[in-house]
Amino acid sequence: MFKCNMGTSDRAIRAVVGLVLISLVFIGPQTVWGWIGLVPLVTAAVGFCPAYRPLGLSTCKTKTS
């Protein structure tokens, strides 16, 4: 459905940031704002960032078009 526009390092960084933010729900300040970590975690899992498309960005090394 969507073409990959995220490279391996971009996906890894997003996964780590997502997990750290989600961990804030259970430890640390324990606020519901930690659930915003689902966004980078899902985009890392899928390999597609919707914000990259209108900006014309891609960190994926392979040609996607």
C-alpha atoms as a PDB file:
ATOM      1  CA  MET A   1       0.000   0.000   0.000  1.00  0.00           C
ATOM      2  CA  PHE A   2       2.648   2.539   1.066  1.00  0.00           C
ATOM      3  CA  LYS A   3       6.190   2.547  -0.220  1.00  0.00           C
ATOM      4  CA  CYS A   4       9.008   2.471   2.293  1.00  0.00           C
ATOM      5  CA  ASN A   5      10.456   5.938   2.894  1.00  0.00           C
ATOM      6  CA  MET A   6      12.448   5.219   6.066  1.00  0.00           C
ATOM      7  CA  GLY A   7      15.923   3.756   6.308  1.00  0.00           C
ATOM      8  CA  THR A   8      17.163   1.248   8.853  1.00  0.00           C
ATOM      9  CA  SER A   9      18.746   3.781  11.208  1.00  0.00           C
ATOM     10  CA  ASP A  10      15.670   6.029  11.052  1.00  0.00           C
ATOM     11  CA  ARG A  11      13.447   3.071  11.958  1.00  0.00           C
ATOM     12  CA  ALA A  12      15.733   2.010  14.825  1.00  0.00           C
ATOM     13  CA  ILE A  13      15.824   5.509  16.315  1.00  0.00           C
ATOM     14  CA  ARG A  14      12.041   5.806  16.085  1.00  0.00           C
ATOM     15  CA  ALA A  15      11.565   2.409  17.737  1.00  0.00           C
ATOM     16  CA  VAL A  16      13.812   3.364  20.659  1.00  0.00           C
ATOM     17  CA  VAL A  17      12.138   6.769  21.081  1.00  0.00           C
ATOM     18  CA  GLY A  18       8.708   5.140  20.930  1.00  0.00           C
ATOM     19  CA  LEU A  19       9.601   2.566  23.578  1.00  0.00           C
ATOM     20  CA  VAL A  20      11.082   5.230  25.850  1.00  0.00           C
ATOM     21  CA  LEU A  21       7.959   7.378  25.561  1.00  0.00           C
ATOM     22  CA  ILE A  22       5.664   4.418  26.222  1.00  0.00           C
ATOM     23  CA  SER A  23       7.752   3.488  29.267  1.00  0.00           C
ATOM     24  CA  LEU A  24       6.847   6.887  30.735  1.00  0.00           C
ATOM     25  CA  VAL A  25       3.293   5.594  31.132  1.00  0.00           C
ATOM     26  CA  PHE A  26       4.488   2.915  33.548  1.00  0.00           C
ATOM     27  CA  ILE A  27       7.577   4.460  35.171  1.00  0.00           C
ATOM     28  CA  GLY A  28       8.795   8.008  35.656  1.00  0.00           C
ATOM     29  CA  PRO A  29       6.116  10.717  35.671  1.00  0.00           C
ATOM     30  CA  GLN A  30       3.393   8.157  34.753  1.00  0.00           C
ATOM     31  CA  THR A  31       1.420  10.450  32.462  1.00  0.00           C
ATOM     32  CA  VAL A  32      -0.865   9.443  29.617  1.00  0.00           C
ATOM     33  CA  TRP A  33       1.256  11.560  27.256  1.00  0.00           C
ATOM     34  CA  GLY A  34       3.639   8.616  27.036  1.00  0.00           C
ATOM     35  CA  TRP A  35       1.160   6.892  24.707  1.00  0.00           C
ATOM     36  CA  ILE A  36       2.236   9.352  22.003  1.00  0.00           C
ATOM     37  CA  GLY A  37       5.167   6.935  21.702  1.00  0.00           C
ATOM     38  CA  LEU A  38       2.885   4.666  19.691  1.00  0.00           C
ATOM     39  CA  VAL A  39       3.266   6.998  16.701  1.00  0.00           C
ATOM     40  CA  PRO A  40       7.033   6.569  16.203  1.00  0.00           C
ATOM     41  CA  LEU A  41       6.765   2.905  17.150  1.00  0.00           C
ATOM     42  CA  VAL A  42       4.119   2.186  14.497  1.00  0.00           C
ATOM     43  CA  THR A  43       5.898   4.208  11.809  1.00  0.00           C
ATOM     44  CA  ALA A  44       9.099   2.296  12.587  1.00  0.00           C
ATOM     45  CA  ALA A  45       7.289  -1.033  12.314  1.00  0.00           C
ATOM     46  CA  VAL A  46       5.616  -0.120   9.025  1.00  0.00           C
ATOM     47  CA  GLY A  47       8.608   1.691   7.497  1.00  0.00           C
ATOM     48  CA  PHE A  48       6.508   4.590   6.265  1.00  0.00           C
ATOM     49  CA  CYS A  49       6.301   8.110   7.675  1.00  0.00           C
ATOM     50  CA  PRO A  50       3.277  10.081   6.430  1.00  0.00           C
ATOM     51  CA  ALA A  51       4.996  13.407   7.205  1.00  0.00           C
ATOM     52  CA  TYR A  52       7.860  12.594   4.838  1.00  0.00           C
ATOM     53  CA  ARG A  53       5.623  12.372   1.753  1.00  0.00           C
ATOM     54  CA  PRO A  54       4.480  16.032   1.479  1.00  0.00           C
ATOM     55  CA  LEU A  55       7.995  17.180   2.366  1.00  0.00           C
ATOM     56  CA  GLY A  56       9.520  14.947  -0.297  1.00  0.00           C
ATOM     57  CA  LEU A  57      11.874  13.301   2.194  1.00  0.00           C
ATOM     58  CA  SER A  58      13.134   9.736   2.237  1.00  0.00           C
ATOM     59  CA  THR A  59      15.825   8.089   4.321  1.00  0.00           C
ATOM     60  CA  CYS A  60      15.393   4.769   2.533  1.00  0.00           C
ATOM     61  CA  LYS A  61      18.449   3.899   0.441  1.00  0.00           C
ATOM     62  CA  THR A  62      16.516   2.057  -2.256  1.00  0.00           C
ATOM     63  CA  LYS A  63      14.658   3.901  -4.973  1.00  0.00           C
ATOM     64  CA  THR A  64      10.923   3.933  -4.064  1.00  0.00           C
ATOM     65  CA  SER A  65       9.351   5.417  -7.181  1.00  0.00           C
END
